[in-house]
Amino acid sequence: MGDDLLEVVRVDPDAPEASALLQAYLRELSTRLGPGVVAVSTRWADDFRGPGGAVALGWTRGEAVGCAGLRPLGKGTVELKHLFLAPAVRGRGLGRALLTGIEGLAHELGARRIVLDTASPLTEASALYASAGYVAIPRYNAESQCSAWFGKELPGGGD
């Protein structure tokens, strides 16, 4: 990766960089899934703030270029939401670095398992998850725009 090292840092959900990246993510989703399909708040939900929840940013070269949220679902499970990497830095392995950093944060929060959902047009995301050891799981939510659900057991989770 050379100079493209990524540092994943937990931030306040209201951090300006977190809000900007979330909005960029939602714009991209709207473009790829169709207008009106994305019905997510442009702010990080309160459940990312509570115990077991988190918002994290990926930083490289002094710039926030990626984001993700962790929402606690109970029984040692967190849900990964809104994983996003700015288009300008894609293709450099930073998506995998962001995912790895988020998994580390989930472990620090006491999680033993991560679950997530994704929509069929987001083929790059599905490929990343599969290559990182996520496996298909049964549908666990009612997200209408989603077509695939993944899960991963964290090594040593909750230690």
C-alpha atoms as a PDB file:
ATOM      1  CA  MET A   1       0.000   0.000   0.000  1.00  0.00           C
ATOM      2  CA  GLY A   2       2.955   2.363   0.348  1.00  0.00           C
ATOM      3  CA  ASP A   3       1.721   5.783   1.390  1.00  0.00           C
ATOM      4  CA  ASP A   4      -1.883   4.559   1.395  1.00  0.00           C
ATOM      5  CA  LEU A   5      -1.973   3.426   5.001  1.00  0.00           C
ATOM      6  CA  LEU A   6      -5.380   3.736   6.623  1.00  0.00           C
ATOM      7  CA  GLU A   7      -5.966   4.539  10.268  1.00  0.00           C
ATOM      8  CA  VAL A   8      -9.430   3.628  11.564  1.00  0.00           C
ATOM      9  CA  VAL A   9     -10.553   5.879  14.402  1.00  0.00           C
ATOM     10  CA  ARG A  10     -13.745   5.897  16.460  1.00  0.00           C
ATOM     11  CA  VAL A  11     -15.380   9.334  16.321  1.00  0.00           C
ATOM     12  CA  ASP A  12     -18.388  11.159  17.668  1.00  0.00           C
ATOM     13  CA  PRO A  13     -21.313  10.444  15.316  1.00  0.00           C
ATOM     14  CA  ASP A  14     -21.781  14.202  14.866  1.00  0.00           C
ATOM     15  CA  ALA A  15     -18.187  14.806  13.715  1.00  0.00           C
ATOM     16  CA  PRO A  16     -18.308  16.901  10.534  1.00  0.00           C
ATOM     17  CA  GLU A  17     -16.204  14.373   8.613  1.00  0.00           C
ATOM     18  CA  ALA A  18     -18.561  11.544   9.627  1.00  0.00           C
ATOM     19  CA  SER A  19     -21.593  13.523   8.480  1.00  0.00           C
ATOM     20  CA  ALA A  20     -19.948  14.438   5.167  1.00  0.00           C
ATOM     21  CA  LEU A  21     -18.987  10.825   4.417  1.00  0.00           C
ATOM     22  CA  LEU A  22     -22.435   9.524   5.399  1.00  0.00           C
ATOM     23  CA  GLN A  23     -24.045  12.025   3.040  1.00  0.00           C
ATOM     24  CA  ALA A  24     -21.666  11.003   0.229  1.00  0.00           C
ATOM     25  CA  TYR A  25     -22.561   7.353   0.891  1.00  0.00           C
ATOM     26  CA  LEU A  26     -26.286   8.112   0.738  1.00  0.00           C
ATOM     27  CA  ARG A  27     -25.869  10.070  -2.510  1.00  0.00           C
ATOM     28  CA  GLU A  28     -24.057   7.131  -4.073  1.00  0.00           C
ATOM     29  CA  LEU A  29     -26.723   4.702  -2.857  1.00  0.00           C
ATOM     30  CA  SER A  30     -29.449   6.892  -4.306  1.00  0.00           C
ATOM     31  CA  THR A  31     -27.635   6.950  -7.657  1.00  0.00           C
ATOM     32  CA  ARG A  32     -27.038   3.206  -7.713  1.00  0.00           C
ATOM     33  CA  LEU A  33     -30.346   2.026  -6.214  1.00  0.00           C
ATOM     34  CA  GLY A  34     -32.611   4.718  -7.651  1.00  0.00           C
ATOM     35  CA  PRO A  35     -34.072   7.924  -6.259  1.00  0.00           C
ATOM     36  CA  GLY A  36     -36.394   7.475  -3.339  1.00  0.00           C
ATOM     37  CA  VAL A  37     -35.109   3.985  -2.529  1.00  0.00           C
ATOM     38  CA  VAL A  38     -32.756   5.147   0.194  1.00  0.00           C
ATOM     39  CA  ALA A  39     -34.740   6.147   3.250  1.00  0.00           C
ATOM     40  CA  VAL A  40     -31.904   6.569   5.751  1.00  0.00           C
ATOM     41  CA  SER A  41     -31.391   9.654   7.857  1.00  0.00           C
ATOM     42  CA  THR A  42     -28.541  11.930   6.842  1.00  0.00           C
ATOM     43  CA  ARG A  43     -27.387  11.768  10.476  1.00  0.00           C
ATOM     44  CA  TRP A  44     -25.951   8.796  12.306  1.00  0.00           C
ATOM     45  CA  ALA A  45     -28.781   7.268  14.346  1.00  0.00           C
ATOM     46  CA  ASP A  46     -28.722   7.383  18.131  1.00  0.00           C
ATOM     47  CA  ASP A  47     -28.259   3.615  18.270  1.00  0.00           C
ATOM     48  CA  PHE A  48     -24.711   4.082  16.933  1.00  0.00           C
ATOM     49  CA  ARG A  49     -23.994   6.145  20.079  1.00  0.00           C
ATOM     50  CA  GLY A  50     -25.197   3.801  22.782  1.00  0.00           C
ATOM     51  CA  PRO A  51     -23.302   1.037  24.530  1.00  0.00           C
ATOM     52  CA  GLY A  52     -21.811  -1.320  21.969  1.00  0.00           C
ATOM     53  CA  GLY A  53     -22.351   1.125  19.101  1.00  0.00           C
ATOM     54  CA  ALA A  54     -19.792   3.216  17.255  1.00  0.00           C
ATOM     55  CA  VAL A  55     -19.027   5.339  14.230  1.00  0.00           C
ATOM     56  CA  ALA A  56     -15.550   5.073  12.773  1.00  0.00           C
ATOM     57  CA  LEU A  57     -13.664   6.923  10.088  1.00  0.00           C
ATOM     58  CA  GLY A  58     -10.785   5.760   7.946  1.00  0.00           C
ATOM     59  CA  TRP A  59      -8.032   8.374   7.597  1.00  0.00           C
ATOM     60  CA  THR A  60      -5.201   8.488   5.105  1.00  0.00           C
ATOM     61  CA  ARG A  61      -2.804  11.348   4.415  1.00  0.00           C
ATOM     62  CA  GLY A  62      -4.692  13.539   6.905  1.00  0.00           C
ATOM     63  CA  GLU A  63      -8.050  13.108   5.175  1.00  0.00           C
ATOM     64  CA  ALA A  64     -11.136  11.151   6.234  1.00  0.00           C
ATOM     65  CA  VAL A  65     -11.853   8.877   3.255  1.00  0.00           C
ATOM     66  CA  GLY A  66     -14.075   6.153   4.685  1.00  0.00           C
ATOM     67  CA  CYS A  67     -16.745   5.536   7.277  1.00  0.00           C
ATOM     68  CA  ALA A  68     -18.792   2.811   8.909  1.00  0.00           C
ATOM     69  CA  GLY A  69     -21.132   2.354  11.826  1.00  0.00           C
ATOM     70  CA  LEU A  70     -21.633  -0.463  14.297  1.00  0.00           C
ATOM     71  CA  ARG A  71     -25.053  -0.961  15.835  1.00  0.00           C
ATOM     72  CA  PRO A  72     -25.482  -3.405  18.736  1.00  0.00           C
ATOM     73  CA  LEU A  73     -28.087  -6.117  18.181  1.00  0.00           C
ATOM     74  CA  GLY A  74     -27.580  -7.940  21.484  1.00  0.00           C
ATOM     75  CA  LYS A  75     -26.049 -11.287  22.469  1.00  0.00           C
ATOM     76  CA  GLY A  76     -22.560 -10.264  21.318  1.00  0.00           C
ATOM     77  CA  THR A  77     -23.673  -9.313  17.801  1.00  0.00           C
ATOM     78  CA  VAL A  78     -23.184  -5.958  16.071  1.00  0.00           C
ATOM     79  CA  GLU A  79     -24.524  -4.858  12.722  1.00  0.00           C
ATOM     80  CA  LEU A  80     -22.164  -3.184  10.270  1.00  0.00           C
ATOM     81  CA  LYS A  81     -23.885  -0.272   8.518  1.00  0.00           C
ATOM     82  CA  HIS A  82     -22.925   2.353   5.954  1.00  0.00           C
ATOM     83  CA  LEU A  83     -19.450   1.047   5.077  1.00  0.00           C
ATOM     84  CA  PHE A  84     -18.226   3.576   2.523  1.00  0.00           C
ATOM     85  CA  LEU A  85     -14.953   4.513   0.905  1.00  0.00           C
ATOM     86  CA  ALA A  86     -14.608   7.694  -1.134  1.00  0.00           C
ATOM     87  CA  PRO A  87     -14.444   6.889  -4.870  1.00  0.00           C
ATOM     88  CA  ALA A  88     -11.163   8.783  -5.285  1.00  0.00           C
ATOM     89  CA  VAL A  89      -9.283   6.283  -3.084  1.00  0.00           C
ATOM     90  CA  ARG A  90     -10.881   3.020  -4.181  1.00  0.00           C
ATOM     91  CA  GLY A  91      -8.784   0.277  -5.753  1.00  0.00           C
ATOM     92  CA  ARG A  92      -5.878   0.666  -3.318  1.00  0.00           C
ATOM     93  CA  GLY A  93      -6.842  -1.923  -0.690  1.00  0.00           C
ATOM     94  CA  LEU A  94      -8.240   0.716   1.641  1.00  0.00           C
ATOM     95  CA  GLY A  95     -11.705  -0.866   1.684  1.00  0.00           C
ATOM     96  CA  ARG A  96     -10.257  -4.033   3.156  1.00  0.00           C
ATOM     97  CA  ALA A  97      -8.208  -1.964   5.627  1.00  0.00           C
ATOM     98  CA  LEU A  98     -11.365  -0.110   6.666  1.00  0.00           C
ATOM     99  CA  LEU A  99     -13.267  -3.376   7.118  1.00  0.00           C
ATOM    100  CA  THR A 100     -10.410  -4.876   9.145  1.00  0.00           C
ATOM    101  CA  GLY A 101     -10.291  -1.779  11.350  1.00  0.00           C
ATOM    102  CA  ILE A 102     -14.052  -1.921  11.918  1.00  0.00           C
ATOM    103  CA  GLU A 103     -13.794  -5.572  12.889  1.00  0.00           C
ATOM    104  CA  GLY A 104     -11.102  -4.637  15.415  1.00  0.00           C
ATOM    105  CA  LEU A 105     -13.344  -1.936  16.848  1.00  0.00           C
ATOM    106  CA  ALA A 106     -16.239  -4.400  17.074  1.00  0.00           C
ATOM    107  CA  HIS A 107     -13.975  -6.765  19.008  1.00  0.00           C
ATOM    108  CA  GLU A 108     -12.965  -3.928  21.374  1.00  0.00           C
ATOM    109  CA  LEU A 109     -16.670  -3.280  21.968  1.00  0.00           C
ATOM    110  CA  GLY A 110     -17.099  -6.907  23.045  1.00  0.00           C
ATOM    111  CA  ALA A 111     -18.734  -8.251  19.892  1.00  0.00           C
ATOM    112  CA  ARG A 112     -18.292 -11.873  18.923  1.00  0.00           C
ATOM    113  CA  ARG A 113     -20.148 -11.620  15.614  1.00  0.00           C
ATOM    114  CA  ILE A 114     -20.797  -9.050  12.877  1.00  0.00           C
ATOM    115  CA  VAL A 115     -23.805  -9.163  10.571  1.00  0.00           C
ATOM    116  CA  LEU A 116     -24.676  -6.897   7.651  1.00  0.00           C
ATOM    117  CA  ASP A 117     -26.987  -6.502   4.707  1.00  0.00           C
ATOM    118  CA  THR A 118     -26.352  -5.222   1.204  1.00  0.00           C
ATOM    119  CA  ALA A 119     -28.212  -4.558  -2.031  1.00  0.00           C
ATOM    120  CA  SER A 120     -27.629  -6.488  -5.263  1.00  0.00           C
ATOM    121  CA  PRO A 121     -26.170  -3.542  -7.256  1.00  0.00           C
ATOM    122  CA  LEU A 122     -23.385  -3.220  -4.671  1.00  0.00           C
ATOM    123  CA  THR A 123     -21.371  -6.081  -6.133  1.00  0.00           C
ATOM    124  CA  GLU A 124     -18.039  -4.656  -4.969  1.00  0.00           C
ATOM    125  CA  ALA A 125     -19.244  -4.687  -1.356  1.00  0.00           C
ATOM    126  CA  SER A 126     -20.472  -8.276  -1.596  1.00  0.00           C
ATOM    127  CA  ALA A 127     -17.143  -9.342  -3.107  1.00  0.00           C
ATOM    128  CA  LEU A 128     -15.205  -7.577  -0.347  1.00  0.00           C
ATOM    129  CA  TYR A 129     -17.284  -9.211   2.386  1.00  0.00           C
ATOM    130  CA  ALA A 130     -16.971 -12.691   0.865  1.00  0.00           C
ATOM    131  CA  SER A 131     -13.202 -12.319   0.429  1.00  0.00           C
ATOM    132  CA  ALA A 132     -12.913 -11.206   4.074  1.00  0.00           C
ATOM    133  CA  GLY A 133     -14.587 -14.353   5.399  1.00  0.00           C
ATOM    134  CA  TYR A 134     -18.201 -13.236   5.626  1.00  0.00           C
ATOM    135  CA  VAL A 135     -20.717 -15.945   4.759  1.00  0.00           C
ATOM    136  CA  ALA A 136     -24.313 -15.744   3.592  1.00  0.00           C
ATOM    137  CA  ILE A 137     -26.794 -15.884   6.467  1.00  0.00           C
ATOM    138  CA  PRO A 138     -30.594 -15.868   6.597  1.00  0.00           C
ATOM    139  CA  ARG A 139     -32.364 -12.527   6.349  1.00  0.00           C
ATOM    140  CA  TYR A 140     -32.388 -10.919   9.797  1.00  0.00           C
ATOM    141  CA  ASN A 141     -34.164  -7.624   9.067  1.00  0.00           C
ATOM    142  CA  ALA A 142     -36.878  -6.093   6.911  1.00  0.00           C
ATOM    143  CA  GLU A 143     -34.667  -3.798   4.793  1.00  0.00           C
ATOM    144  CA  SER A 144     -36.611  -3.775   1.523  1.00  0.00           C
ATOM    145  CA  GLN A 145     -33.714  -2.665  -0.714  1.00  0.00           C
ATOM    146  CA  CYS A 146     -31.396  -5.409   0.533  1.00  0.00           C
ATOM    147  CA  SER A 147     -30.899  -8.695  -1.240  1.00  0.00           C
ATOM    148  CA  ALA A 148     -28.034 -10.335   0.659  1.00  0.00           C
ATOM    149  CA  TRP A 149     -27.188 -10.820   4.318  1.00  0.00           C
ATOM    150  CA  PHE A 150     -23.749 -11.773   5.623  1.00  0.00           C
ATOM    151  CA  GLY A 151     -22.229 -12.713   8.961  1.00  0.00           C
ATOM    152  CA  LYS A 152     -18.802 -13.347  10.409  1.00  0.00           C
ATOM    153  CA  GLU A 153     -17.629 -14.738  13.707  1.00  0.00           C
ATOM    154  CA  LEU A 154     -14.833 -12.624  15.158  1.00  0.00           C
ATOM    155  CA  PRO A 155     -11.782 -14.535  16.351  1.00  0.00           C
ATOM    156  CA  GLY A 156     -11.505 -14.196  20.103  1.00  0.00           C
ATOM    157  CA  GLY A 157     -14.588 -11.966  20.056  1.00  0.00           C
ATOM    158  CA  GLY A 158     -15.601 -10.495  23.373  1.00  0.00           C
ATOM    159  CA  ASP A 159     -12.287 -11.270  25.147  1.00  0.00           C
END
